[in-house]
Amino acid sequence: MLILIAGPYRSGTNDDPELMRQNLANLEAVSLPLFRLGHTPMIGEWVALPLLNLAGSAKVGDAAYEEILYPVAHRLLLKCDAVFRIEGASKGADEDVRIAKESGLKIYYRLEDVPHAE
């Protein structure tokens, strides 16, 4: 399965770049275990951050940021089979889960619930 990992990125950081890096590291921490279960993990920021750079985004929340960050995750959701929601308050991740549920995608909250790929 292609699994979108959703969780806090900007939330709770007051736009502090170091806290945002820590949140990205938290998202990435489950990517290898998902890969080892036979799945392809995906994090929206892996796609969005290079695009933000190319678009000339100068700071969190600027026009390019708003144009790219959340729309990337929503476009990725259309291609994914499931969402893995990590802990932590995040309106964006909650929206990803809502969209995924409406689309009939599987939602996982614990690694032990994710099946091995066949």
PDB file of N, CA and C in Angstrom:
ATOM      1  N   MET A   1       0.843  -1.186   0.000  1.00  0.00           N
ATOM      2  CA  MET A   1       0.000   0.000   0.000  1.00  0.00           C
ATOM      3  C   MET A   1       0.889   1.250   0.000  1.00  0.00           C
ATOM      4  N   LEU A   2       0.387   2.277  -0.615  1.00  0.00           N
ATOM      5  CA  LEU A   2       0.967   3.605  -0.497  1.00  0.00           C
ATOM      6  C   LEU A   2       0.278   4.254   0.698  1.00  0.00           C
ATOM      7  N   ILE A   3       1.057   4.579   1.735  1.00  0.00           N
ATOM      8  CA  ILE A   3       0.491   5.059   2.993  1.00  0.00           C
ATOM      9  C   ILE A   3       0.986   6.473   3.278  1.00  0.00           C
ATOM     10  N   LEU A   4       0.046   7.414   3.375  1.00  0.00           N
ATOM     11  CA  LEU A   4       0.375   8.786   3.749  1.00  0.00           C
ATOM     12  C   LEU A   4       0.505   8.862   5.264  1.00  0.00           C
ATOM     13  N   ILE A   5       1.638   9.350   5.734  1.00  0.00           N
ATOM     14  CA  ILE A   5       1.857   9.539   7.163  1.00  0.00           C
ATOM     15  C   ILE A   5       1.400  10.953   7.498  1.00  0.00           C
ATOM     16  N   ALA A   6       0.448  11.061   8.405  1.00  0.00           N
ATOM     17  CA  ALA A   6      -0.138  12.357   8.765  1.00  0.00           C
ATOM     18  C   ALA A   6       0.084  12.629  10.244  1.00  0.00           C
ATOM     19  N   GLY A   7       0.400  13.872  10.549  1.00  0.00           N
ATOM     20  CA  GLY A   7       0.597  14.276  11.929  1.00  0.00           C
ATOM     21  C   GLY A   7       1.054  15.714  11.972  1.00  0.00           C
ATOM     22  N   PRO A   8       1.388  16.203  13.151  1.00  0.00           N
ATOM     23  CA  PRO A   8       1.794  17.596  13.276  1.00  0.00           C
ATOM     24  C   PRO A   8       3.060  17.899  12.483  1.00  0.00           C
ATOM     25  N   TYR A   9       3.053  19.004  11.785  1.00  0.00           N
ATOM     26  CA  TYR A   9       4.254  19.558  11.173  1.00  0.00           C
ATOM     27  C   TYR A   9       4.428  20.994  11.683  1.00  0.00           C
ATOM     28  N   ARG A  10       3.495  21.842  11.340  1.00  0.00           N
ATOM     29  CA  ARG A  10       3.548  23.233  11.801  1.00  0.00           C
ATOM     30  C   ARG A  10       2.866  23.406  13.162  1.00  0.00           C
ATOM     31  N   SER A  11       1.860  22.593  13.425  1.00  0.00           N
ATOM     32  CA  SER A  11       1.067  22.719  14.647  1.00  0.00           C
ATOM     33  C   SER A  11       1.927  22.688  15.895  1.00  0.00           C
ATOM     34  N   GLY A  12       1.637  23.599  16.802  1.00  0.00           N
ATOM     35  CA  GLY A  12       2.306  23.623  18.079  1.00  0.00           C
ATOM     36  C   GLY A  12       3.733  24.137  18.055  1.00  0.00           C
ATOM     37  N   THR A  13       4.182  24.695  16.936  1.00  0.00           N
ATOM     38  CA  THR A  13       5.576  25.130  16.818  1.00  0.00           C
ATOM     39  C   THR A  13       5.759  26.639  16.910  1.00  0.00           C
ATOM     40  N   ASN A  14       4.673  27.397  16.805  1.00  0.00           N
ATOM     41  CA  ASN A  14       4.778  28.851  16.690  1.00  0.00           C
ATOM     42  C   ASN A  14       5.719  29.219  15.542  1.00  0.00           C
ATOM     43  N   ASP A  15       5.723  28.370  14.517  1.00  0.00           N
ATOM     44  CA  ASP A  15       6.541  28.536  13.309  1.00  0.00           C
ATOM     45  C   ASP A  15       8.046  28.520  13.578  1.00  0.00           C
ATOM     46  N   ASP A  16       8.455  27.901  14.671  1.00  0.00           N
ATOM     47  CA  ASP A  16       9.873  27.732  14.983  1.00  0.00           C
ATOM     48  C   ASP A  16      10.446  26.649  14.068  1.00  0.00           C
ATOM     49  N   PRO A  17      11.428  26.978  13.224  1.00  0.00           N
ATOM     50  CA  PRO A  17      11.971  26.002  12.268  1.00  0.00           C
ATOM     51  C   PRO A  17      12.527  24.744  12.931  1.00  0.00           C
ATOM     52  N   GLU A  18      13.143  24.876  14.101  1.00  0.00           N
ATOM     53  CA  GLU A  18      13.689  23.700  14.773  1.00  0.00           C
ATOM     54  C   GLU A  18      12.571  22.768  15.239  1.00  0.00           C
ATOM     55  N   LEU A  19      11.506  23.321  15.788  1.00  0.00           N
ATOM     56  CA  LEU A  19      10.375  22.491  16.209  1.00  0.00           C
ATOM     57  C   LEU A  19       9.698  21.847  15.007  1.00  0.00           C
ATOM     58  N   MET A  20       9.647  22.550  13.891  1.00  0.00           N
ATOM     59  CA  MET A  20       9.075  21.968  12.676  1.00  0.00           C
ATOM     60  C   MET A  20       9.955  20.823  12.176  1.00  0.00           C
ATOM     61  N   ARG A  21      11.275  20.967  12.267  1.00  0.00           N
ATOM     62  CA  ARG A  21      12.185  19.868  11.888  1.00  0.00           C
ATOM     63  C   ARG A  21      11.957  18.659  12.796  1.00  0.00           C
ATOM     64  N   GLN A  22      11.746  18.920  14.098  1.00  0.00           N
ATOM     65  CA  GLN A  22      11.478  17.820  15.028  1.00  0.00           C
ATOM     66  C   GLN A  22      10.167  17.118  14.673  1.00  0.00           C
ATOM     67  N   ASN A  23       9.156  17.904  14.298  1.00  0.00           N
ATOM     68  CA  ASN A  23       7.886  17.291  13.893  1.00  0.00           C
ATOM     69  C   ASN A  23       8.060  16.455  12.633  1.00  0.00           C
ATOM     70  N   LEU A  24       8.857  16.945  11.686  1.00  0.00           N
ATOM     71  CA  LEU A  24       9.113  16.151  10.478  1.00  0.00           C
ATOM     72  C   LEU A  24       9.841  14.859  10.841  1.00  0.00           C
ATOM     73  N   ALA A  25      10.791  14.945  11.757  1.00  0.00           N
ATOM     74  CA  ALA A  25      11.489  13.737  12.209  1.00  0.00           C
ATOM     75  C   ALA A  25      10.516  12.747  12.842  1.00  0.00           C
ATOM     76  N   ASN A  26       9.520  13.239  13.580  1.00  0.00           N
ATOM     77  CA  ASN A  26       8.503  12.361  14.163  1.00  0.00           C
ATOM     78  C   ASN A  26       7.687  11.673  13.076  1.00  0.00           C
ATOM     79  N   LEU A  27       7.350  12.412  12.031  1.00  0.00           N
ATOM     80  CA  LEU A  27       6.631  11.811  10.903  1.00  0.00           C
ATOM     81  C   LEU A  27       7.500  10.744  10.234  1.00  0.00           C
ATOM     82  N   GLU A  28       8.756  11.091  10.026  1.00  0.00           N
ATOM     83  CA  GLU A  28       9.668  10.177   9.327  1.00  0.00           C
ATOM     84  C   GLU A  28       9.988   8.928  10.144  1.00  0.00           C
ATOM     85  N   ALA A  29       9.859   9.009  11.454  1.00  0.00           N
ATOM     86  CA  ALA A  29      10.210   7.877  12.312  1.00  0.00           C
ATOM     87  C   ALA A  29       9.401   6.624  12.003  1.00  0.00           C
ATOM     88  N   VAL A  30       8.197   6.786  11.487  1.00  0.00           N
ATOM     89  CA  VAL A  30       7.388   5.597  11.169  1.00  0.00           C
ATOM     90  C   VAL A  30       7.546   5.164   9.716  1.00  0.00           C
ATOM     91  N   SER A  31       8.287   5.919   8.915  1.00  0.00           N
ATOM     92  CA  SER A  31       8.408   5.573   7.495  1.00  0.00           C
ATOM     93  C   SER A  31       9.180   4.272   7.287  1.00  0.00           C
ATOM     94  N   LEU A  32      10.283   4.092   7.984  1.00  0.00           N
ATOM     95  CA  LEU A  32      11.055   2.855   7.807  1.00  0.00           C
ATOM     96  C   LEU A  32      10.283   1.632   8.290  1.00  0.00           C
ATOM     97  N   PRO A  33       9.644   1.677   9.461  1.00  0.00           N
ATOM     98  CA  PRO A  33       8.834   0.514   9.852  1.00  0.00           C
ATOM     99  C   PRO A  33       7.730   0.186   8.838  1.00  0.00           C
ATOM    100  N   LEU A  34       7.096   1.209   8.277  1.00  0.00           N
ATOM    101  CA  LEU A  34       6.074   0.939   7.254  1.00  0.00           C
ATOM    102  C   LEU A  34       6.700   0.315   6.010  1.00  0.00           C
ATOM    103  N   PHE A  35       7.858   0.813   5.615  1.00  0.00           N
ATOM    104  CA  PHE A  35       8.563   0.246   4.471  1.00  0.00           C
ATOM    105  C   PHE A  35       8.913  -1.221   4.729  1.00  0.00           C
ATOM    106  N   ARG A  36       9.375  -1.496   5.925  1.00  0.00           N
ATOM    107  CA  ARG A  36       9.758  -2.875   6.269  1.00  0.00           C
ATOM    108  C   ARG A  36       8.565  -3.811   6.343  1.00  0.00           C
ATOM    109  N   LEU A  37       7.373  -3.256   6.480  1.00  0.00           N
ATOM    110  CA  LEU A  37       6.158  -4.071   6.406  1.00  0.00           C
ATOM    111  C   LEU A  37       5.745  -4.321   4.959  1.00  0.00           C
ATOM    112  N   GLY A  38       6.502  -3.754   4.027  1.00  0.00           N
ATOM    113  CA  GLY A  38       6.233  -3.989   2.609  1.00  0.00           C
ATOM    114  C   GLY A  38       5.453  -2.879   1.930  1.00  0.00           C
ATOM    115  N   HIS A  39       5.291  -1.754   2.595  1.00  0.00           N
ATOM    116  CA  HIS A  39       4.503  -0.652   2.049  1.00  0.00           C
ATOM    117  C   HIS A  39       5.405   0.493   1.591  1.00  0.00           C
ATOM    118  N   THR A  40       4.828   1.442   0.895  1.00  0.00           N
ATOM    119  CA  THR A  40       5.547   2.632   0.467  1.00  0.00           C
ATOM    120  C   THR A  40       5.028   3.808   1.285  1.00  0.00           C
ATOM    121  N   PRO A  41       5.856   4.303   2.215  1.00  0.00           N
ATOM    122  CA  PRO A  41       5.430   5.445   3.022  1.00  0.00           C
ATOM    123  C   PRO A  41       5.568   6.741   2.236  1.00  0.00           C
ATOM    124  N   MET A  42       4.699   7.696   2.543  1.00  0.00           N
ATOM    125  CA  MET A  42       4.741   9.004   1.894  1.00  0.00           C
ATOM    126  C   MET A  42       4.404  10.058   2.946  1.00  0.00           C
ATOM    127  N   ILE A  43       5.142  11.146   2.906  1.00  0.00           N
ATOM    128  CA  ILE A  43       4.884  12.292   3.776  1.00  0.00           C
ATOM    129  C   ILE A  43       4.728  13.497   2.868  1.00  0.00           C
ATOM    130  N   GLY A  44       3.651  14.244   3.047  1.00  0.00           N
ATOM    131  CA  GLY A  44       3.386  15.381   2.176  1.00  0.00           C
ATOM    132  C   GLY A  44       4.529  16.373   2.125  1.00  0.00           C
ATOM    133  N   GLU A  45       5.210  16.583   3.254  1.00  0.00           N
ATOM    134  CA  GLU A  45       6.317  17.539   3.287  1.00  0.00           C
ATOM    135  C   GLU A  45       7.482  17.093   2.417  1.00  0.00           C
ATOM    136  N   TRP A  46       7.633  15.796   2.181  1.00  0.00           N
ATOM    137  CA  TRP A  46       8.697  15.331   1.290  1.00  0.00           C
ATOM    138  C   TRP A  46       8.508  15.886  -0.112  1.00  0.00           C
ATOM    139  N   VAL A  47       7.277  16.105  -0.494  1.00  0.00           N
ATOM    140  CA  VAL A  47       6.972  16.684  -1.810  1.00  0.00           C
ATOM    141  C   VAL A  47       6.867  18.205  -1.708  1.00  0.00           C
ATOM    142  N   ALA A  48       6.223  18.682  -0.668  1.00  0.00           N
ATOM    143  CA  ALA A  48       5.938  20.112  -0.551  1.00  0.00           C
ATOM    144  C   ALA A  48       7.177  20.966  -0.311  1.00  0.00           C
ATOM    145  N   LEU A  49       8.093  20.518   0.534  1.00  0.00           N
ATOM    146  CA  LEU A  49       9.228  21.365   0.887  1.00  0.00           C
ATOM    147  C   LEU A  49      10.103  21.736  -0.318  1.00  0.00           C
ATOM    148  N   PRO A  50      10.449  20.801  -1.198  1.00  0.00           N
ATOM    149  CA  PRO A  50      11.199  21.216  -2.398  1.00  0.00           C
ATOM    150  C   PRO A  50      10.391  22.165  -3.292  1.00  0.00           C
ATOM    151  N   LEU A  51       9.085  21.937  -3.382  1.00  0.00           N
ATOM    152  CA  LEU A  51       8.245  22.834  -4.179  1.00  0.00           C
ATOM    153  C   LEU A  51       8.207  24.232  -3.580  1.00  0.00           C
ATOM    154  N   LEU A  52       8.136  24.314  -2.245  1.00  0.00           N
ATOM    155  CA  LEU A  52       8.155  25.616  -1.580  1.00  0.00           C
ATOM    156  C   LEU A  52       9.446  26.364  -1.903  1.00  0.00           C
ATOM    157  N   ASN A  53      10.551  25.647  -1.890  1.00  0.00           N
ATOM    158  CA  ASN A  53      11.828  26.257  -2.221  1.00  0.00           C
ATOM    159  C   ASN A  53      11.812  26.783  -3.656  1.00  0.00           C
ATOM    160  N   LEU A  54      11.344  25.979  -4.576  1.00  0.00           N
ATOM    161  CA  LEU A  54      11.281  26.387  -5.983  1.00  0.00           C
ATOM    162  C   LEU A  54      10.340  27.569  -6.196  1.00  0.00           C
ATOM    163  N   ALA A  55       9.275  27.624  -5.394  1.00  0.00           N
ATOM    164  CA  ALA A  55       8.295  28.700  -5.527  1.00  0.00           C
ATOM    165  C   ALA A  55       8.754  29.992  -4.859  1.00  0.00           C
ATOM    166  N   GLY A  56       9.893  29.942  -4.177  1.00  0.00           N
ATOM    167  CA  GLY A  56      10.426  31.133  -3.553  1.00  0.00           C
ATOM    168  C   GLY A  56       9.792  31.476  -2.212  1.00  0.00           C
ATOM    169  N   SER A  57       9.233  30.483  -1.547  1.00  0.00           N
ATOM    170  CA  SER A  57       8.649  30.739  -0.231  1.00  0.00           C
ATOM    171  C   SER A  57       9.725  31.290   0.695  1.00  0.00           C
ATOM    172  N   ALA A  58       9.406  32.408   1.341  1.00  0.00           N
ATOM    173  CA  ALA A  58      10.373  33.065   2.219  1.00  0.00           C
ATOM    174  C   ALA A  58      10.132  32.777   3.690  1.00  0.00           C
ATOM    175  N   LYS A  59       8.881  32.414   4.029  1.00  0.00           N
ATOM    176  CA  LYS A  59       8.594  32.127   5.435  1.00  0.00           C
ATOM    177  C   LYS A  59       7.337  31.279   5.530  1.00  0.00           C
ATOM    178  N   VAL A  60       7.233  30.586   6.660  1.00  0.00           N
ATOM    179  CA  VAL A  60       6.065  29.746   6.927  1.00  0.00           C
ATOM    180  C   VAL A  60       4.812  30.604   6.868  1.00  0.00           C
ATOM    181  N   GLY A  61       3.830  30.135   6.122  1.00  0.00           N
ATOM    182  CA  GLY A  61       2.547  30.824   6.040  1.00  0.00           C
ATOM    183  C   GLY A  61       2.440  31.858   4.940  1.00  0.00           C
ATOM    184  N   ASP A  62       3.506  32.055   4.161  1.00  0.00           N
ATOM    185  CA  ASP A  62       3.401  33.031   3.073  1.00  0.00           C
ATOM    186  C   ASP A  62       2.534  32.464   1.946  1.00  0.00           C
ATOM    187  N   ALA A  63       2.357  33.239   0.896  1.00  0.00           N
ATOM    188  CA  ALA A  63       1.439  32.845  -0.177  1.00  0.00           C
ATOM    189  C   ALA A  63       1.840  31.518  -0.817  1.00  0.00           C
ATOM    190  N   ALA A  64       3.126  31.317  -1.079  1.00  0.00           N
ATOM    191  CA  ALA A  64       3.570  30.062  -1.687  1.00  0.00           C
ATOM    192  C   ALA A  64       3.314  28.893  -0.751  1.00  0.00           C
ATOM    193  N   TYR A  65       3.549  29.106   0.533  1.00  0.00           N
ATOM    194  CA  TYR A  65       3.310  28.064   1.540  1.00  0.00           C
ATOM    195  C   TYR A  65       1.848  27.635   1.508  1.00  0.00           C
ATOM    196  N   GLU A  66       0.958  28.609   1.533  1.00  0.00           N
ATOM    197  CA  GLU A  66      -0.477  28.312   1.527  1.00  0.00           C
ATOM    198  C   GLU A  66      -0.910  27.664   0.218  1.00  0.00           C
ATOM    199  N   GLU A  67      -0.279  28.054  -0.876  1.00  0.00           N
ATOM    200  CA  GLU A  67      -0.607  27.490  -2.190  1.00  0.00           C
ATOM    201  C   GLU A  67      -0.220  26.019  -2.277  1.00  0.00           C
ATOM    202  N   ILE A  68       0.860  25.632  -1.595  1.00  0.00           N
ATOM    203  CA  ILE A  68       1.467  24.329  -1.840  1.00  0.00           C
ATOM    204  C   ILE A  68       1.283  23.316  -0.714  1.00  0.00           C
ATOM    205  N   LEU A  69       1.527  23.696   0.534  1.00  0.00           N
ATOM    206  CA  LEU A  69       1.678  22.691   1.586  1.00  0.00           C
ATOM    207  C   LEU A  69       0.475  21.759   1.734  1.00  0.00           C
ATOM    208  N   TYR A  70      -0.689  22.294   2.030  1.00  0.00           N
ATOM    209  CA  TYR A  70      -1.850  21.423   2.236  1.00  0.00           C
ATOM    210  C   TYR A  70      -2.402  20.838   0.941  1.00  0.00           C
ATOM    211  N   PRO A  71      -2.413  21.587  -0.158  1.00  0.00           N
ATOM    212  CA  PRO A  71      -2.867  20.971  -1.410  1.00  0.00           C
ATOM    213  C   PRO A  71      -2.040  19.753  -1.825  1.00  0.00           C
ATOM    214  N   VAL A  72      -0.735  19.757  -1.537  1.00  0.00           N
ATOM    215  CA  VAL A  72       0.080  18.585  -1.856  1.00  0.00           C
ATOM    216  C   VAL A  72      -0.451  17.360  -1.136  1.00  0.00           C
ATOM    217  N   ALA A  73      -0.714  17.497   0.156  1.00  0.00           N
ATOM    218  CA  ALA A  73      -1.213  16.351   0.932  1.00  0.00           C
ATOM    219  C   ALA A  73      -2.548  15.874   0.389  1.00  0.00           C
ATOM    220  N   HIS A  74      -3.406  16.788   0.022  1.00  0.00           N
ATOM    221  CA  HIS A  74      -4.714  16.389  -0.488  1.00  0.00           C
ATOM    222  C   HIS A  74      -4.592  15.691  -1.842  1.00  0.00           C
ATOM    223  N   ARG A  75      -3.691  16.150  -2.689  1.00  0.00           N
ATOM    224  CA  ARG A  75      -3.477  15.459  -3.971  1.00  0.00           C
ATOM    225  C   ARG A  75      -2.891  14.074  -3.755  1.00  0.00           C
ATOM    226  N   LEU A  76      -1.960  13.982  -2.801  1.00  0.00           N
ATOM    227  CA  LEU A  76      -1.384  12.669  -2.500  1.00  0.00           C
ATOM    228  C   LEU A  76      -2.437  11.699  -1.993  1.00  0.00           C
ATOM    229  N   LEU A  77      -3.352  12.197  -1.186  1.00  0.00           N
ATOM    230  CA  LEU A  77      -4.411  11.333  -0.658  1.00  0.00           C
ATOM    231  C   LEU A  77      -5.186  10.630  -1.765  1.00  0.00           C
ATOM    232  N   LEU A  78      -5.350  11.302  -2.890  1.00  0.00           N
ATOM    233  CA  LEU A  78      -6.080  10.708  -4.008  1.00  0.00           C
ATOM    234  C   LEU A  78      -5.356   9.493  -4.578  1.00  0.00           C
ATOM    235  N   LYS A  79      -4.070   9.380  -4.310  1.00  0.00           N
ATOM    236  CA  LYS A  79      -3.260   8.271  -4.828  1.00  0.00           C
ATOM    237  C   LYS A  79      -2.975   7.202  -3.780  1.00  0.00           C
ATOM    238  N   CYS A  80      -3.246   7.517  -2.520  1.00  0.00           N
ATOM    239  CA  CYS A  80      -2.887   6.615  -1.420  1.00  0.00           C
ATOM    240  C   CYS A  80      -3.954   5.556  -1.165  1.00  0.00           C
ATOM    241  N   ASP A  81      -3.507   4.497  -0.518  1.00  0.00           N
ATOM    242  CA  ASP A  81      -4.395   3.412  -0.117  1.00  0.00           C
ATOM    243  C   ASP A  81      -4.804   3.520   1.346  1.00  0.00           C
ATOM    244  N   ALA A  82      -3.998   4.257   2.122  1.00  0.00           N
ATOM    245  CA  ALA A  82      -4.240   4.341   3.553  1.00  0.00           C
ATOM    246  C   ALA A  82      -3.539   5.570   4.120  1.00  0.00           C
ATOM    247  N   VAL A  83      -3.902   5.887   5.361  1.00  0.00           N
ATOM    248  CA  VAL A  83      -3.264   6.962   6.116  1.00  0.00           C
ATOM    249  C   VAL A  83      -2.798   6.376   7.437  1.00  0.00           C
ATOM    250  N   PHE A  84      -1.589   6.746   7.825  1.00  0.00           N
ATOM    251  CA  PHE A  84      -1.096   6.419   9.154  1.00  0.00           C
ATOM    252  C   PHE A  84      -1.048   7.725   9.927  1.00  0.00           C
ATOM    253  N   ARG A  85      -1.869   7.856  10.966  1.00  0.00           N
ATOM    254  CA  ARG A  85      -1.986   9.094  11.748  1.00  0.00           C
ATOM    255  C   ARG A  85      -1.146   8.952  12.997  1.00  0.00           C
ATOM    256  N   ILE A  86      -0.075   9.754  13.107  1.00  0.00           N
ATOM    257  CA  ILE A  86       0.719   9.740  14.326  1.00  0.00           C
ATOM    258  C   ILE A  86       0.063  10.654  15.354  1.00  0.00           C
ATOM    259  N   GLU A  87       0.491  10.538  16.591  1.00  0.00           N
ATOM    260  CA  GLU A  87      -0.091  11.325  17.678  1.00  0.00           C
ATOM    261  C   GLU A  87       0.271  12.796  17.547  1.00  0.00           C
ATOM    262  N   GLY A  88      -0.558  13.622  18.138  1.00  0.00           N
ATOM    263  CA  GLY A  88      -0.300  15.046  18.206  1.00  0.00           C
ATOM    264  C   GLY A  88      -1.395  15.854  17.547  1.00  0.00           C
ATOM    265  N   ALA A  89      -1.686  16.988  18.142  1.00  0.00           N
ATOM    266  CA  ALA A  89      -2.724  17.865  17.610  1.00  0.00           C
ATOM    267  C   ALA A  89      -2.283  18.453  16.279  1.00  0.00           C
ATOM    268  N   SER A  90      -3.163  18.357  15.278  1.00  0.00           N
ATOM    269  CA  SER A  90      -2.865  18.896  13.954  1.00  0.00           C
ATOM    270  C   SER A  90      -4.154  19.000  13.150  1.00  0.00           C
ATOM    271  N   LYS A  91      -4.552  20.235  12.857  1.00  0.00           N
ATOM    272  CA  LYS A  91      -5.744  20.433  12.032  1.00  0.00           C
ATOM    273  C   LYS A  91      -5.541  19.843  10.642  1.00  0.00           C
ATOM    274  N   GLY A  92      -4.339  20.031  10.089  1.00  0.00           N
ATOM    275  CA  GLY A  92      -4.054  19.500   8.753  1.00  0.00           C
ATOM    276  C   GLY A  92      -4.145  17.990   8.705  1.00  0.00           C
ATOM    277  N   ALA A  93      -3.558  17.321   9.703  1.00  0.00           N
ATOM    278  CA  ALA A  93      -3.615  15.856   9.745  1.00  0.00           C
ATOM    279  C   ALA A  93      -5.032  15.370   9.996  1.00  0.00           C
ATOM    280  N   ASP A  94      -5.770  16.082  10.837  1.00  0.00           N
ATOM    281  CA  ASP A  94      -7.166  15.717  11.071  1.00  0.00           C
ATOM    282  C   ASP A  94      -7.974  15.851   9.774  1.00  0.00           C
ATOM    283  N   GLU A  95      -7.664  16.874   8.994  1.00  0.00           N
ATOM    284  CA  GLU A  95      -8.343  17.047   7.705  1.00  0.00           C
ATOM    285  C   GLU A  95      -7.962  15.919   6.745  1.00  0.00           C
ATOM    286  N   ASP A  96      -6.690  15.510   6.759  1.00  0.00           N
ATOM    287  CA  ASP A  96      -6.270  14.368   5.934  1.00  0.00           C
ATOM    288  C   ASP A  96      -7.065  13.119   6.295  1.00  0.00           C
ATOM    289  N   VAL A  97      -7.227  12.877   7.590  1.00  0.00           N
ATOM    290  CA  VAL A  97      -7.980  11.697   8.049  1.00  0.00           C
ATOM    291  C   VAL A  97      -9.437  11.808   7.620  1.00  0.00           C
ATOM    292  N   ARG A  98     -10.016  12.987   7.749  1.00  0.00           N
ATOM    293  CA  ARG A  98     -11.417  13.184   7.341  1.00  0.00           C
ATOM    294  C   ARG A  98     -11.586  12.881   5.852  1.00  0.00           C
ATOM    295  N   ILE A  99     -10.710  13.428   5.032  1.00  0.00           N
ATOM    296  CA  ILE A  99     -10.785  13.193   3.586  1.00  0.00           C
ATOM    297  C   ILE A  99     -10.569  11.717   3.278  1.00  0.00           C
ATOM    298  N   ALA A 100      -9.610  11.108   3.955  1.00  0.00           N
ATOM    299  CA  ALA A 100      -9.330   9.687   3.725  1.00  0.00           C
ATOM    300  C   ALA A 100     -10.532   8.827   4.080  1.00  0.00           C
ATOM    301  N   LYS A 101     -11.178   9.131   5.204  1.00  0.00           N
ATOM    302  CA  LYS A 101     -12.372   8.365   5.595  1.00  0.00           C
ATOM    303  C   LYS A 101     -13.477   8.515   4.556  1.00  0.00           C
ATOM    304  N   GLU A 102     -13.696   9.756   4.096  1.00  0.00           N
ATOM    305  CA  GLU A 102     -14.723   9.986   3.076  1.00  0.00           C
ATOM    306  C   GLU A 102     -14.413   9.243   1.788  1.00  0.00           C
ATOM    307  N   SER A 103     -13.140   9.026   1.522  1.00  0.00           N
ATOM    308  CA  SER A 103     -12.719   8.334   0.302  1.00  0.00           C
ATOM    309  C   SER A 103     -12.636   6.824   0.490  1.00  0.00           C
ATOM    310  N   GLY A 104     -12.931   6.357   1.705  1.00  0.00           N
ATOM    311  CA  GLY A 104     -12.916   4.921   1.965  1.00  0.00           C
ATOM    312  C   GLY A 104     -11.531   4.341   2.193  1.00  0.00           C
ATOM    313  N   LEU A 105     -10.548   5.193   2.488  1.00  0.00           N
ATOM    314  CA  LEU A 105      -9.203   4.694   2.741  1.00  0.00           C
ATOM    315  C   LEU A 105      -9.104   4.136   4.159  1.00  0.00           C
ATOM    316  N   LYS A 106      -8.169   3.242   4.335  1.00  0.00           N
ATOM    317  CA  LYS A 106      -7.917   2.692   5.662  1.00  0.00           C
ATOM    318  C   LYS A 106      -7.134   3.714   6.470  1.00  0.00           C
ATOM    319  N   ILE A 107      -7.441   3.793   7.758  1.00  0.00           N
ATOM    320  CA  ILE A 107      -6.749   4.693   8.672  1.00  0.00           C
ATOM    321  C   ILE A 107      -6.100   3.839   9.754  1.00  0.00           C
ATOM    322  N   TYR A 108      -4.810   4.044   9.967  1.00  0.00           N
ATOM    323  CA  TYR A 108      -4.078   3.318  11.002  1.00  0.00           C
ATOM    324  C   TYR A 108      -3.522   4.309  12.012  1.00  0.00           C
ATOM    325  N   TYR A 109      -3.504   3.885  13.274  1.00  0.00           N
ATOM    326  CA  TYR A 109      -2.977   4.708  14.348  1.00  0.00           C
ATOM    327  C   TYR A 109      -1.824   4.020  15.085  1.00  0.00           C
ATOM    328  N   ARG A 110      -1.664   2.719  14.847  1.00  0.00           N
ATOM    329  CA  ARG A 110      -0.607   1.947  15.502  1.00  0.00           C
ATOM    330  C   ARG A 110       0.067   1.046  14.472  1.00  0.00           C
ATOM    331  N   LEU A 111       1.387   0.963  14.537  1.00  0.00           N
ATOM    332  CA  LEU A 111       2.116   0.122  13.580  1.00  0.00           C
ATOM    333  C   LEU A 111       1.661  -1.329  13.632  1.00  0.00           C
ATOM    334  N   GLU A 112       1.338  -1.797  14.841  1.00  0.00           N
ATOM    335  CA  GLU A 112       0.948  -3.209  14.944  1.00  0.00           C
ATOM    336  C   GLU A 112      -0.380  -3.503  14.249  1.00  0.00           C
ATOM    337  N   ASP A 113      -1.128  -2.488  13.883  1.00  0.00           N
ATOM    338  CA  ASP A 113      -2.388  -2.688  13.156  1.00  0.00           C
ATOM    339  C   ASP A 113      -2.212  -2.706  11.635  1.00  0.00           C
ATOM    340  N   VAL A 114      -1.036  -2.288  11.172  1.00  0.00           N
ATOM    341  CA  VAL A 114      -0.781  -2.258   9.735  1.00  0.00           C
ATOM    342  C   VAL A 114      -0.371  -3.663   9.286  1.00  0.00           C
ATOM    343  N   PRO A 115      -1.106  -4.235   8.339  1.00  0.00           N
ATOM    344  CA  PRO A 115      -0.767  -5.590   7.906  1.00  0.00           C
ATOM    345  C   PRO A 115       0.516  -5.615   7.075  1.00  0.00           C
ATOM    346  N   HIS A 116       1.155  -6.783   7.088  1.00  0.00           N
ATOM    347  CA  HIS A 116       2.289  -6.977   6.177  1.00  0.00           C
ATOM    348  C   HIS A 116       1.757  -7.015   4.749  1.00  0.00           C
ATOM    349  N   ALA A 117       2.505  -6.453   3.830  1.00  0.00           N
ATOM    350  CA  ALA A 117       2.098  -6.515   2.420  1.00  0.00           C
ATOM    351  C   ALA A 117       2.256  -7.941   1.922  1.00  0.00           C
ATOM    352  N   GLU A 118       1.403  -8.296   1.013  1.00  0.00           N
ATOM    353  CA  GLU A 118       1.459  -9.669   0.482  1.00  0.00           C
ATOM    354  C   GLU A 118       2.233  -9.701  -0.809  1.00  0.00           C
TER     355      GLU A 118
END
